[in-house]
C-alpha atoms as a PDB file:
ATOM      1  CA  UNK A   1       4.093  15.205  13.011  1.00  0.00           C
ATOM      2  CA  UNK A   2       7.450  16.362  11.312  1.00  0.00           C
ATOM      3  CA  UNK A   3       7.223  18.345   8.306  1.00  0.00           C
ATOM      4  CA  UNK A   4       9.701  17.117   5.552  1.00  0.00           C
ATOM      5  CA  UNK A   5      11.672  20.474   5.902  1.00  0.00           C
ATOM      6  CA  UNK A   6      12.195  19.642   9.774  1.00  0.00           C
ATOM      7  CA  UNK A   7      13.632  16.149   9.070  1.00  0.00           C
ATOM      8  CA  UNK A   8      17.233  15.587   9.666  1.00  0.00           C
ATOM      9  CA  UNK A   9      19.397  14.055   6.950  1.00  0.00           C
ATOM     10  CA  UNK A  10      18.727  10.298   6.253  1.00  0.00           C
ATOM     11  CA  UNK A  11      21.902   8.494   6.486  1.00  0.00           C
ATOM     12  CA  UNK A  12      22.918   5.219   4.655  1.00  0.00           C
ATOM     13  CA  UNK A  13      20.535   5.983   1.563  1.00  0.00           C
ATOM     14  CA  UNK A  14      21.268   3.593  -1.329  1.00  0.00           C
ATOM     15  CA  UNK A  15      23.907   1.810   0.828  1.00  0.00           C
ATOM     16  CA  UNK A  16      24.302  -1.774   2.036  1.00  0.00           C
ATOM     17  CA  UNK A  17      25.641  -1.354   5.380  1.00  0.00           C
ATOM     18  CA  UNK A  18      27.243  -4.353   7.137  1.00  0.00           C
ATOM     19  CA  UNK A  19      26.460  -4.400  10.710  1.00  0.00           C
ATOM     20  CA  UNK A  20      24.042  -5.332  13.451  1.00  0.00           C
ATOM     21  CA  UNK A  21      20.583  -3.771  12.799  1.00  0.00           C
ATOM     22  CA  UNK A  22      19.923  -3.417  16.593  1.00  0.00           C
ATOM     23  CA  UNK A  23      22.741  -0.831  16.541  1.00  0.00           C
ATOM     24  CA  UNK A  24      22.215   0.735  13.068  1.00  0.00           C
ATOM     25  CA  UNK A  25      18.249   1.302  13.316  1.00  0.00           C
ATOM     26  CA  UNK A  26      18.607   3.573  16.106  1.00  0.00           C
ATOM     27  CA  UNK A  27      20.685   6.113  13.863  1.00  0.00           C
ATOM     28  CA  UNK A  28      17.805   6.510  11.587  1.00  0.00           C
ATOM     29  CA  UNK A  29      15.478   9.615  12.434  1.00  0.00           C
ATOM     30  CA  UNK A  30      11.777   9.058  13.305  1.00  0.00           C
ATOM     31  CA  UNK A  31       9.261   8.822  10.505  1.00  0.00           C
ATOM     32  CA  UNK A  32      11.657   8.777   7.603  1.00  0.00           C
ATOM     33  CA  UNK A  33      11.117   5.609   5.682  1.00  0.00           C
ATOM     34  CA  UNK A  34       8.270   4.934   3.310  1.00  0.00           C
ATOM     35  CA  UNK A  35       8.311   1.200   3.109  1.00  0.00           C
ATOM     36  CA  UNK A  36      10.110  -1.449   5.482  1.00  0.00           C
ATOM     37  CA  UNK A  37      10.081  -4.780   3.541  1.00  0.00           C
ATOM     38  CA  UNK A  38      12.109  -7.587   5.113  1.00  0.00           C
ATOM     39  CA  UNK A  39      12.690 -11.363   5.755  1.00  0.00           C
ATOM     40  CA  UNK A  40      14.259 -11.879   9.231  1.00  0.00           C
ATOM     41  CA  UNK A  41      16.076 -15.119   9.902  1.00  0.00           C
ATOM     42  CA  UNK A  42      13.719 -17.848  10.733  1.00  0.00           C
ATOM     43  CA  UNK A  43      13.490 -19.543  14.209  1.00  0.00           C
ATOM     44  CA  UNK A  44      16.055 -22.406  14.495  1.00  0.00           C
ATOM     45  CA  UNK A  45      16.143 -22.881  10.670  1.00  0.00           C
ATOM     46  CA  UNK A  46      19.597 -21.701   9.517  1.00  0.00           C
ATOM     47  CA  UNK A  47      22.781 -20.081  11.052  1.00  0.00           C
ATOM     48  CA  UNK A  48      22.885 -16.491   9.296  1.00  0.00           C
ATOM     49  CA  UNK A  49      25.844 -15.354  11.451  1.00  0.00           C
ATOM     50  CA  UNK A  50      23.481 -13.646  13.984  1.00  0.00           C
ATOM     51  CA  UNK A  51      22.044 -14.362  17.425  1.00  0.00           C
ATOM     52  CA  UNK A  52      18.478 -13.839  16.038  1.00  0.00           C
ATOM     53  CA  UNK A  53      16.915 -17.106  15.128  1.00  0.00           C
ATOM     54  CA  UNK A  54      19.503 -19.245  17.087  1.00  0.00           C
ATOM     55  CA  UNK A  55      17.567 -18.791  20.309  1.00  0.00           C
ATOM     56  CA  UNK A  56      16.754 -22.020  22.372  1.00  0.00           C
ATOM     57  CA  UNK A  57      12.989 -20.962  23.132  1.00  0.00           C
ATOM     58  CA  UNK A  58      10.486 -19.407  20.818  1.00  0.00           C
ATOM     59  CA  UNK A  59       9.783 -16.454  23.311  1.00  0.00           C
ATOM     60  CA  UNK A  60      13.130 -15.491  23.144  1.00  0.00           C
ATOM     61  CA  UNK A  61      13.263 -15.447  19.656  1.00  0.00           C
ATOM     62  CA  UNK A  62       9.816 -13.405  19.126  1.00  0.00           C
ATOM     63  CA  UNK A  63      11.178 -10.788  21.883  1.00  0.00           C
ATOM     64  CA  UNK A  64      14.378 -10.180  19.856  1.00  0.00           C
ATOM     65  CA  UNK A  65      12.313  -9.994  16.537  1.00  0.00           C
ATOM     66  CA  UNK A  66       9.840  -7.605  18.156  1.00  0.00           C
ATOM     67  CA  UNK A  67      12.845  -5.351  19.356  1.00  0.00           C
ATOM     68  CA  UNK A  68      13.843  -4.909  15.710  1.00  0.00           C
ATOM     69  CA  UNK A  69      10.209  -4.623  14.554  1.00  0.00           C
ATOM     70  CA  UNK A  70       9.542  -1.796  17.029  1.00  0.00           C
ATOM     71  CA  UNK A  71      12.382   0.121  15.646  1.00  0.00           C
ATOM     72  CA  UNK A  72      11.089  -0.293  12.176  1.00  0.00           C
ATOM     73  CA  UNK A  73       7.517   1.124  13.269  1.00  0.00           C
ATOM     74  CA  UNK A  74       9.505   4.157  14.905  1.00  0.00           C
ATOM     75  CA  UNK A  75      11.266   5.190  11.692  1.00  0.00           C
ATOM     76  CA  UNK A  76       8.112   4.494   9.382  1.00  0.00           C
ATOM     77  CA  UNK A  77       6.368   7.604   8.294  1.00  0.00           C
ATOM     78  CA  UNK A  78       2.617   7.842   9.034  1.00  0.00           C
ATOM     79  CA  UNK A  79       1.923   7.160   5.383  1.00  0.00           C
ATOM     80  CA  UNK A  80       4.287   4.243   5.263  1.00  0.00           C
ATOM     81  CA  UNK A  81       3.788   0.424   5.362  1.00  0.00           C
ATOM     82  CA  UNK A  82       5.666  -2.624   6.797  1.00  0.00           C
ATOM     83  CA  UNK A  83       5.880  -6.042   5.230  1.00  0.00           C
ATOM     84  CA  UNK A  84       7.328  -8.830   7.051  1.00  0.00           C
ATOM     85  CA  UNK A  85       7.917 -12.310   5.525  1.00  0.00           C
ATOM     86  CA  UNK A  86       8.615 -15.244   8.113  1.00  0.00           C
ATOM     87  CA  UNK A  87       8.571 -18.849   7.721  1.00  0.00           C
ATOM     88  CA  UNK A  88       7.179 -21.653  10.293  1.00  0.00           C
ATOM     89  CA  UNK A  89       8.988 -24.259  12.333  1.00  0.00           C
ATOM     90  CA  UNK A  90       8.126 -27.804  13.246  1.00  0.00           C
ATOM     91  CA  UNK A  91       9.114 -28.886  16.611  1.00  0.00           C
ATOM     92  CA  UNK A  92       8.065 -32.487  17.999  1.00  0.00           C
ATOM     93  CA  UNK A  93       6.410 -33.120  14.691  1.00  0.00           C
ATOM     94  CA  UNK A  94       3.852 -29.984  15.215  1.00  0.00           C
ATOM     95  CA  UNK A  95       3.898 -26.579  13.835  1.00  0.00           C
ATOM     96  CA  UNK A  96       4.726 -23.792  16.053  1.00  0.00           C
ATOM     97  CA  UNK A  97       2.722 -21.264  14.035  1.00  0.00           C
ATOM     98  CA  UNK A  98       5.795 -18.858  14.452  1.00  0.00           C
ATOM     99  CA  UNK A  99       4.556 -16.186  11.882  1.00  0.00           C
ATOM    100  CA  UNK A 100       1.247 -15.701  13.413  1.00  0.00           C
ATOM    101  CA  UNK A 101       2.399 -15.658  16.923  1.00  0.00           C
ATOM    102  CA  UNK A 102       4.600 -12.792  15.743  1.00  0.00           C
ATOM    103  CA  UNK A 103       1.981 -11.097  13.826  1.00  0.00           C
ATOM    104  CA  UNK A 104      -0.478 -11.143  16.905  1.00  0.00           C
ATOM    105  CA  UNK A 105       2.366  -9.795  19.295  1.00  0.00           C
ATOM    106  CA  UNK A 106       3.277  -7.084  16.805  1.00  0.00           C
ATOM    107  CA  UNK A 107      -0.466  -5.795  16.562  1.00  0.00           C
ATOM    108  CA  UNK A 108      -0.611  -6.111  20.405  1.00  0.00           C
ATOM    109  CA  UNK A 109       2.618  -4.575  21.397  1.00  0.00           C
ATOM    110  CA  UNK A 110       3.526  -2.104  18.750  1.00  0.00           C
ATOM    111  CA  UNK A 111       0.528   0.017  17.838  1.00  0.00           C
ATOM    112  CA  UNK A 112       0.244  -1.286  14.376  1.00  0.00           C
ATOM    113  CA  UNK A 113      -2.719  -2.743  12.342  1.00  0.00           C
ATOM    114  CA  UNK A 114      -2.403  -5.957  10.254  1.00  0.00           C
ATOM    115  CA  UNK A 115      -4.034  -4.889   6.845  1.00  0.00           C
ATOM    116  CA  UNK A 116      -3.236  -8.304   5.090  1.00  0.00           C
ATOM    117  CA  UNK A 117      -1.842 -11.686   5.404  1.00  0.00           C
ATOM    118  CA  UNK A 118      -0.531 -12.396   2.018  1.00  0.00           C
ATOM    119  CA  UNK A 119       0.426 -15.912   0.911  1.00  0.00           C
ATOM    120  CA  UNK A 120       3.553 -16.548  -1.096  1.00  0.00           C
ATOM    121  CA  UNK A 121       3.042 -20.043  -2.764  1.00  0.00           C
ATOM    122  CA  UNK A 122       6.276 -21.410  -3.852  1.00  0.00           C
ATOM    123  CA  UNK A 123       6.021 -23.399  -7.175  1.00  0.00           C
ATOM    124  CA  UNK A 124       9.352 -24.976  -6.629  1.00  0.00           C
ATOM    125  CA  UNK A 125       9.397 -25.961  -2.714  1.00  0.00           C
ATOM    126  CA  UNK A 126      12.151 -28.285  -1.664  1.00  0.00           C
ATOM    127  CA  UNK A 127      11.185 -31.884  -2.810  1.00  0.00           C
ATOM    128  CA  UNK A 128      11.133 -33.523   0.497  1.00  0.00           C
ATOM    129  CA  UNK A 129       8.969 -36.616   0.936  1.00  0.00           C
ATOM    130  CA  UNK A 130       7.038 -36.919   3.911  1.00  0.00           C
ATOM    131  CA  UNK A 131       5.162 -39.880   5.091  1.00  0.00           C
ATOM    132  CA  UNK A 132       2.879 -38.135   7.572  1.00  0.00           C
ATOM    133  CA  UNK A 133       2.487 -34.661   6.347  1.00  0.00           C
ATOM    134  CA  UNK A 134       2.401 -32.681   3.052  1.00  0.00           C
ATOM    135  CA  UNK A 135       5.321 -30.538   1.787  1.00  0.00           C
ATOM    136  CA  UNK A 136       5.089 -27.017   2.920  1.00  0.00           C
ATOM    137  CA  UNK A 137       5.076 -24.628   0.003  1.00  0.00           C
ATOM    138  CA  UNK A 138       3.547 -21.458   1.339  1.00  0.00           C
ATOM    139  CA  UNK A 139       4.861 -18.564   3.470  1.00  0.00           C
ATOM    140  CA  UNK A 140       3.135 -15.320   4.650  1.00  0.00           C
ATOM    141  CA  UNK A 141       4.197 -11.763   4.025  1.00  0.00           C
ATOM    142  CA  UNK A 142       2.434  -9.599   6.859  1.00  0.00           C
ATOM    143  CA  UNK A 143       1.453  -6.091   5.602  1.00  0.00           C
ATOM    144  CA  UNK A 144       1.147  -3.785   8.609  1.00  0.00           C
ATOM    145  CA  UNK A 145       0.457   0.038   8.944  1.00  0.00           C
ATOM    146  CA  UNK A 146       0.795   2.669  11.329  1.00  0.00           C
ATOM    147  CA  UNK A 147      -2.470   4.750  10.302  1.00  0.00           C
ATOM    148  CA  UNK A 148      -5.250   4.427   8.101  1.00  0.00           C
ATOM    149  CA  UNK A 149      -3.428   7.084   5.772  1.00  0.00           C
ATOM    150  CA  UNK A 150      -1.078   4.474   4.513  1.00  0.00           C
ATOM    151  CA  UNK A 151       0.081   4.836   0.891  1.00  0.00           C
ATOM    152  CA  UNK A 152      -1.636   2.169  -1.461  1.00  0.00           C
ATOM    153  CA  UNK A 153      -1.458   2.354  -5.055  1.00  0.00           C
ATOM    154  CA  UNK A 154      -3.693  -0.193  -6.585  1.00  0.00           C
ATOM    155  CA  UNK A 155      -4.457   1.779  -9.678  1.00  0.00           C
ATOM    156  CA  UNK A 156      -0.911   2.396 -10.473  1.00  0.00           C
ATOM    157  CA  UNK A 157      -0.228  -1.421  -9.922  1.00  0.00           C
ATOM    158  CA  UNK A 158      -3.093  -2.475 -12.216  1.00  0.00           C
ATOM    159  CA  UNK A 159      -2.052   0.230 -14.827  1.00  0.00           C
ATOM    160  CA  UNK A 160      -0.571  -2.165 -17.242  1.00  0.00           C
ATOM    161  CA  UNK A 161      -3.500  -4.612 -17.189  1.00  0.00           C
ATOM    162  CA  UNK A 162      -5.948  -3.627 -19.788  1.00  0.00           C
ATOM    163  CA  UNK A 163      -9.462  -5.201 -20.206  1.00  0.00           C
ATOM    164  CA  UNK A 164      -9.885  -6.873 -23.518  1.00  0.00           C
ATOM    165  CA  UNK A 165     -13.143  -6.201 -25.593  1.00  0.00           C
ATOM    166  CA  UNK A 166     -15.756  -8.544 -24.740  1.00  0.00           C
ATOM    167  CA  UNK A 167     -16.372 -11.425 -27.630  1.00  0.00           C
ATOM    168  CA  UNK A 168     -20.022 -11.707 -26.163  1.00  0.00           C
ATOM    169  CA  UNK A 169     -22.520 -12.767 -28.713  1.00  0.00           C
ATOM    170  CA  UNK A 170     -25.745 -11.027 -29.946  1.00  0.00           C
ATOM    171  CA  UNK A 171     -27.673 -13.154 -27.356  1.00  0.00           C
ATOM    172  CA  UNK A 172     -25.904 -11.563 -24.346  1.00  0.00           C
ATOM    173  CA  UNK A 173     -28.581 -10.769 -21.790  1.00  0.00           C
ATOM    174  CA  UNK A 174     -31.577 -11.569 -24.126  1.00  0.00           C
ATOM    175  CA  UNK A 175     -32.953 -14.020 -21.480  1.00  0.00           C
ATOM    176  CA  UNK A 176     -33.698 -11.090 -18.978  1.00  0.00           C
ATOM    177  CA  UNK A 177     -35.937  -9.419 -21.473  1.00  0.00           C
ATOM    178  CA  UNK A 178     -38.456 -12.409 -21.404  1.00  0.00           C
ATOM    179  CA  UNK A 179     -38.118 -12.807 -17.269  1.00  0.00           C
ATOM    180  CA  UNK A 180     -39.043  -8.952 -17.128  1.00  0.00           C
ATOM    181  CA  UNK A 181     -42.104  -9.541 -19.086  1.00  0.00           C
ATOM    182  CA  UNK A 182     -42.888 -12.764 -17.165  1.00  0.00           C
ATOM    183  CA  UNK A 183     -42.397 -10.702 -13.924  1.00  0.00           C
ATOM    184  CA  UNK A 184     -45.075  -9.122 -11.671  1.00  0.00           C
ATOM    185  CA  UNK A 185     -43.222  -5.837 -11.790  1.00  0.00           C
ATOM    186  CA  UNK A 186     -45.418  -2.739 -12.806  1.00  0.00           C
ATOM    187  CA  UNK A 187     -45.412  -1.272 -16.319  1.00  0.00           C
ATOM    188  CA  UNK A 188     -43.188   1.600 -15.054  1.00  0.00           C
ATOM    189  CA  UNK A 189     -40.622  -0.868 -13.446  1.00  0.00           C
ATOM    190  CA  UNK A 190     -40.577  -3.014 -16.612  1.00  0.00           C
ATOM    191  CA  UNK A 191     -39.639   0.042 -18.772  1.00  0.00           C
ATOM    192  CA  UNK A 192     -37.007   1.026 -16.213  1.00  0.00           C
ATOM    193  CA  UNK A 193     -35.667  -2.569 -16.117  1.00  0.00           C
ATOM    194  CA  UNK A 194     -35.397  -3.035 -20.071  1.00  0.00           C
ATOM    195  CA  UNK A 195     -33.538   0.598 -20.377  1.00  0.00           C
ATOM    196  CA  UNK A 196     -31.112  -0.568 -17.635  1.00  0.00           C
ATOM    197  CA  UNK A 197     -30.674  -3.985 -19.175  1.00  0.00           C
ATOM    198  CA  UNK A 198     -29.910  -2.393 -22.456  1.00  0.00           C
ATOM    199  CA  UNK A 199     -27.336  -0.115 -20.921  1.00  0.00           C
ATOM    200  CA  UNK A 200     -25.545  -3.028 -19.356  1.00  0.00           C
ATOM    201  CA  UNK A 201     -25.417  -4.962 -22.578  1.00  0.00           C
ATOM    202  CA  UNK A 202     -23.888  -2.048 -24.145  1.00  0.00           C
ATOM    203  CA  UNK A 203     -21.224  -1.905 -21.372  1.00  0.00           C
ATOM    204  CA  UNK A 204     -20.379  -5.538 -22.015  1.00  0.00           C
ATOM    205  CA  UNK A 205     -20.029  -5.158 -25.679  1.00  0.00           C
ATOM    206  CA  UNK A 206     -17.888  -1.842 -25.606  1.00  0.00           C
ATOM    207  CA  UNK A 207     -15.379  -3.973 -23.049  1.00  0.00           C
ATOM    208  CA  UNK A 208     -16.279  -1.678 -19.905  1.00  0.00           C
ATOM    209  CA  UNK A 209     -17.220  -5.089 -18.222  1.00  0.00           C
ATOM    210  CA  UNK A 210     -16.984  -8.670 -18.713  1.00  0.00           C
ATOM    211  CA  UNK A 211     -20.611  -9.484 -17.987  1.00  0.00           C
ATOM    212  CA  UNK A 212     -23.308  -8.908 -15.621  1.00  0.00           C
ATOM    213  CA  UNK A 213     -26.239 -10.619 -13.607  1.00  0.00           C
ATOM    214  CA  UNK A 214     -29.878  -9.386 -13.250  1.00  0.00           C
ATOM    215  CA  UNK A 215     -32.225 -10.047 -10.245  1.00  0.00           C
ATOM    216  CA  UNK A 216     -36.008  -9.477 -10.687  1.00  0.00           C
ATOM    217  CA  UNK A 217     -38.233  -9.322  -7.860  1.00  0.00           C
ATOM    218  CA  UNK A 218     -40.410 -12.577  -7.527  1.00  0.00           C
ATOM    219  CA  UNK A 219     -37.993 -14.373 -10.254  1.00  0.00           C
ATOM    220  CA  UNK A 220     -34.951 -14.601  -8.496  1.00  0.00           C
ATOM    221  CA  UNK A 221     -34.058 -15.280  -5.008  1.00  0.00           C
ATOM    222  CA  UNK A 222     -33.055 -12.160  -2.734  1.00  0.00           C
ATOM    223  CA  UNK A 223     -29.253 -11.561  -1.957  1.00  0.00           C
ATOM    224  CA  UNK A 224     -27.781 -14.173   0.374  1.00  0.00           C
ATOM    225  CA  UNK A 225     -29.123 -13.912   3.704  1.00  0.00           C
ATOM    226  CA  UNK A 226     -31.580 -11.227   2.774  1.00  0.00           C
ATOM    227  CA  UNK A 227     -29.263  -8.574   4.177  1.00  0.00           C
ATOM    228  CA  UNK A 228     -30.213  -4.969   4.304  1.00  0.00           C
ATOM    229  CA  UNK A 229     -27.918  -3.438   1.570  1.00  0.00           C
ATOM    230  CA  UNK A 230     -27.864  -1.715  -1.815  1.00  0.00           C
ATOM    231  CA  UNK A 231     -29.174  -4.654  -3.810  1.00  0.00           C
ATOM    232  CA  UNK A 232     -32.099  -5.389  -1.502  1.00  0.00           C
ATOM    233  CA  UNK A 233     -32.980  -1.881  -1.532  1.00  0.00           C
ATOM    234  CA  UNK A 234     -33.011  -1.628  -5.425  1.00  0.00           C
ATOM    235  CA  UNK A 235     -35.219  -4.880  -5.412  1.00  0.00           C
ATOM    236  CA  UNK A 236     -37.604  -3.371  -3.033  1.00  0.00           C
ATOM    237  CA  UNK A 237     -37.778   0.034  -4.820  1.00  0.00           C
ATOM    238  CA  UNK A 238     -37.399  -0.687  -8.431  1.00  0.00           C
ATOM    239  CA  UNK A 239     -38.121  -4.396  -8.785  1.00  0.00           C
ATOM    240  CA  UNK A 240     -34.856  -5.453 -10.237  1.00  0.00           C
ATOM    241  CA  UNK A 241     -30.948  -5.015  -9.569  1.00  0.00           C
ATOM    242  CA  UNK A 242     -28.099  -5.337 -11.829  1.00  0.00           C
ATOM    243  CA  UNK A 243     -24.613  -6.769 -10.957  1.00  0.00           C
ATOM    244  CA  UNK A 244     -21.750  -5.937 -12.942  1.00  0.00           C
ATOM    245  CA  UNK A 245     -18.872  -8.519 -13.436  1.00  0.00           C
ATOM    246  CA  UNK A 246     -15.343  -7.180 -13.939  1.00  0.00           C
ATOM    247  CA  UNK A 247     -12.487  -9.121 -15.400  1.00  0.00           C
ATOM    248  CA  UNK A 248      -9.742  -6.960 -13.785  1.00  0.00           C
ATOM    249  CA  UNK A 249      -6.835  -8.835 -12.683  1.00  0.00           C
ATOM    250  CA  UNK A 250      -7.339  -7.596  -9.220  1.00  0.00           C
ATOM    251  CA  UNK A 251      -4.484  -8.289  -6.769  1.00  0.00           C
ATOM    252  CA  UNK A 252      -5.463 -11.144  -4.617  1.00  0.00           C
ATOM    253  CA  UNK A 253      -3.863 -11.874  -1.013  1.00  0.00           C
ATOM    254  CA  UNK A 254      -1.724 -14.587  -2.751  1.00  0.00           C
ATOM    255  CA  UNK A 255       1.630 -14.465  -4.804  1.00  0.00           C
ATOM    256  CA  UNK A 256       2.657 -17.262  -6.938  1.00  0.00           C
ATOM    257  CA  UNK A 257       6.506 -17.276  -7.601  1.00  0.00           C
ATOM    258  CA  UNK A 258       9.193 -19.793  -7.409  1.00  0.00           C
ATOM    259  CA  UNK A 259      12.179 -19.614  -4.954  1.00  0.00           C
ATOM    260  CA  UNK A 260      14.885 -17.783  -6.390  1.00  0.00           C
ATOM    261  CA  UNK A 261      18.447 -19.160  -7.084  1.00  0.00           C
ATOM    262  CA  UNK A 262      21.504 -17.396  -7.864  1.00  0.00           C
ATOM    263  CA  UNK A 263      24.912 -18.801  -8.783  1.00  0.00           C
ATOM    264  CA  UNK A 264      27.762 -18.605  -6.082  1.00  0.00           C
ATOM    265  CA  UNK A 265      25.177 -17.134  -3.602  1.00  0.00           C
ATOM    266  CA  UNK A 266      26.416 -17.800  -0.100  1.00  0.00           C
ATOM    267  CA  UNK A 267      22.850 -17.110   1.085  1.00  0.00           C
ATOM    268  CA  UNK A 268      20.644 -20.210   1.541  1.00  0.00           C
ATOM    269  CA  UNK A 269      17.358 -18.569   1.138  1.00  0.00           C
ATOM    270  CA  UNK A 270      16.675 -15.853  -1.268  1.00  0.00           C
ATOM    271  CA  UNK A 271      13.115 -14.273  -1.855  1.00  0.00           C
ATOM    272  CA  UNK A 272      12.186 -13.282  -5.265  1.00  0.00           C
ATOM    273  CA  UNK A 273      12.949  -9.735  -6.679  1.00  0.00           C
ATOM    274  CA  UNK A 274       9.614 -10.017  -8.434  1.00  0.00           C
ATOM    275  CA  UNK A 275       7.821 -10.312  -5.005  1.00  0.00           C
ATOM    276  CA  UNK A 276       9.630  -7.380  -3.831  1.00  0.00           C
ATOM    277  CA  UNK A 277       8.816  -5.368  -6.888  1.00  0.00           C
ATOM    278  CA  UNK A 278       5.063  -6.108  -6.573  1.00  0.00           C
ATOM    279  CA  UNK A 279       5.057  -4.634  -3.101  1.00  0.00           C
ATOM    280  CA  UNK A 280       7.097  -1.450  -4.487  1.00  0.00           C
ATOM    281  CA  UNK A 281       4.309  -0.913  -7.015  1.00  0.00           C
ATOM    282  CA  UNK A 282       1.469  -1.321  -4.476  1.00  0.00           C
ATOM    283  CA  UNK A 283       2.928   0.529  -1.561  1.00  0.00           C
ATOM    284  CA  UNK A 284       5.769   3.140  -2.851  1.00  0.00           C
ATOM    285  CA  UNK A 285       6.344   5.841  -5.385  1.00  0.00           C
ATOM    286  CA  UNK A 286       9.484   6.645  -7.254  1.00  0.00           C
ATOM    287  CA  UNK A 287      12.275   7.983  -5.162  1.00  0.00           C
ATOM    288  CA  UNK A 288      10.466   6.691  -1.920  1.00  0.00           C
ATOM    289  CA  UNK A 289      12.840   5.151   0.869  1.00  0.00           C
ATOM    290  CA  UNK A 290      12.585   1.493   1.339  1.00  0.00           C
ATOM    291  CA  UNK A 291      14.264  -0.022   4.144  1.00  0.00           C
ATOM    292  CA  UNK A 292      15.542  -3.849   4.603  1.00  0.00           C
ATOM    293  CA  UNK A 293      16.934  -4.453   8.136  1.00  0.00           C
ATOM    294  CA  UNK A 294      17.814  -8.049   6.973  1.00  0.00           C
ATOM    295  CA  UNK A 295      19.095  -7.328   3.480  1.00  0.00           C
ATOM    296  CA  UNK A 296      20.671 -10.612   2.885  1.00  0.00           C
ATOM    297  CA  UNK A 297      21.547 -11.290  -0.772  1.00  0.00           C
ATOM    298  CA  UNK A 298      20.364  -7.875  -1.640  1.00  0.00           C
ATOM    299  CA  UNK A 299      17.211  -8.600  -3.496  1.00  0.00           C
ATOM    300  CA  UNK A 300      15.306  -5.736  -2.055  1.00  0.00           C
ATOM    301  CA  UNK A 301      17.994  -3.227  -3.202  1.00  0.00           C
ATOM    302  CA  UNK A 302      17.974  -4.792  -6.552  1.00  0.00           C
ATOM    303  CA  UNK A 303      14.225  -4.366  -6.860  1.00  0.00           C
ATOM    304  CA  UNK A 304      14.715  -0.624  -5.679  1.00  0.00           C
ATOM    305  CA  UNK A 305      17.306   0.113  -8.073  1.00  0.00           C
ATOM    306  CA  UNK A 306      15.314  -1.384 -10.882  1.00  0.00           C
ATOM    307  CA  UNK A 307      12.098   0.544  -9.946  1.00  0.00           C
ATOM    308  CA  UNK A 308      13.655   3.754  -9.088  1.00  0.00           C
ATOM    309  CA  UNK A 309      13.269   3.687  -5.506  1.00  0.00           C
ATOM    310  CA  UNK A 310      16.059   4.548  -2.903  1.00  0.00           C
ATOM    311  CA  UNK A 311      16.970   1.814  -0.576  1.00  0.00           C
ATOM    312  CA  UNK A 312      18.744   1.414   2.889  1.00  0.00           C
ATOM    313  CA  UNK A 313      20.053  -2.280   3.768  1.00  0.00           C
ATOM    314  CA  UNK A 314      21.454  -3.455   6.681  1.00  0.00           C
ATOM    315  CA  UNK A 315      22.957  -6.845   6.968  1.00  0.00           C
ATOM    316  CA  UNK A 316      25.139  -8.568   9.881  1.00  0.00           C
ATOM    317  CA  UNK A 317      26.906 -11.225   7.811  1.00  0.00           C
ATOM    318  CA  UNK A 318      29.912 -10.065   5.845  1.00  0.00           C
ATOM    319  CA  UNK A 319      29.786 -12.615   3.058  1.00  0.00           C
ATOM    320  CA  UNK A 320      25.918 -11.704   2.258  1.00  0.00           C
ATOM    321  CA  UNK A 321      26.875  -8.020   2.333  1.00  0.00           C
ATOM    322  CA  UNK A 322      29.742  -8.634  -0.126  1.00  0.00           C
ATOM    323  CA  UNK A 323      27.624 -10.660  -2.503  1.00  0.00           C
ATOM    324  CA  UNK A 324      24.689  -8.296  -2.326  1.00  0.00           C
ATOM    325  CA  UNK A 325      27.087  -5.303  -3.380  1.00  0.00           C
ATOM    326  CA  UNK A 326      28.720  -7.367  -5.979  1.00  0.00           C
ATOM    327  CA  UNK A 327      25.325  -8.135  -7.402  1.00  0.00           C
ATOM    328  CA  UNK A 328      24.145  -4.374  -7.038  1.00  0.00           C
ATOM    329  CA  UNK A 329      27.288  -3.298  -8.819  1.00  0.00           C
ATOM    330  CA  UNK A 330      26.689  -5.454 -11.888  1.00  0.00           C
ATOM    331  CA  UNK A 331      22.965  -3.962 -12.066  1.00  0.00           C
ATOM    332  CA  UNK A 332      24.180  -0.671 -11.999  1.00  0.00           C
ATOM    333  CA  UNK A 333      26.921  -1.242 -14.332  1.00  0.00           C
ATOM    334  CA  UNK A 334      24.405  -2.867 -16.769  1.00  0.00           C
ATOM    335  CA  UNK A 335      21.886   0.002 -16.499  1.00  0.00           C
ATOM    336  CA  UNK A 336      24.920   2.458 -17.151  1.00  0.00           C
ATOM    337  CA  UNK A 337      25.985   0.779 -20.259  1.00  0.00           C
ATOM    338  CA  UNK A 338      22.183   0.585 -21.591  1.00  0.00           C
ATOM    339  CA  UNK A 339      22.158   4.323 -20.852  1.00  0.00           C
ATOM    340  CA  UNK A 340      25.148   4.838 -23.090  1.00  0.00           C
ATOM    341  CA  UNK A 341      23.718   2.470 -25.802  1.00  0.00           C
ATOM    342  CA  UNK A 342      20.361   4.577 -25.833  1.00  0.00           C
ATOM    343  CA  UNK A 343      22.167   7.986 -26.391  1.00  0.00           C
END
């Protein structure tokens, strides 16, 4: 493994480079990027000015996409993450399952693990009316890693979410005291159960947890399936178990966001900056390097600038490059003006 001091100088940092990523990616050193996040051209959907996506057969498309993906794996640090967004394609009235074919091939051919299949639910999908099928309103973001040591900052991601103090009434948990008395637990076990129950009630009232459930041997059913696990062991040993219920806004494997629309943008399909920022918080630290080999309209670069990450963007379409650079310049000018206003 390379040490940071051994790494060659990383080119293209904080630049949107107009060119073919198949020629540009080999110029990046091994293990030099913290996050790759991108949305390649979809199969036979739109002409973005590149060969990728215009193939006549799906195997050719997947082969070209995997060629780029393999380079992304090469330049990724062992602690890094890769996020690929892909859309599907109907052919002869049947879904091809293109994203999932890609994900399977990537794990089989490129020595990566698939951590999550994160679903993007679009609140404003294209309002087509189909007689024989529903409107497609979701797309997957595949989260890949090279090693189990990948960066993952769930605590930081949830740092702005505070659990409100509970409004639970005075009767919280009181029914369990009666059930403890009715149970066949030994006197010692009943005392333990009452003490544990009082502690849990206090956790609810102080706002540490949202609520709880109590299971008492002989009163409640055992954990589903009777699995050998912590709760079953507690039931067998102590005669009861307590289950805390948290109200943390845990990040689920689904993101809800509208499709973004920008005035005078030549790119026909822009994914939202908000989605990129969520992945930046979850998978990177400030000053980390983020690569987007299909930069498009520049959403990844904008998200990186707004969240103090460094970026590298490759895009083959000149009009998209120009728009992305204009968009980025406007953001940086706004930030500079705000900085002067704050002085």
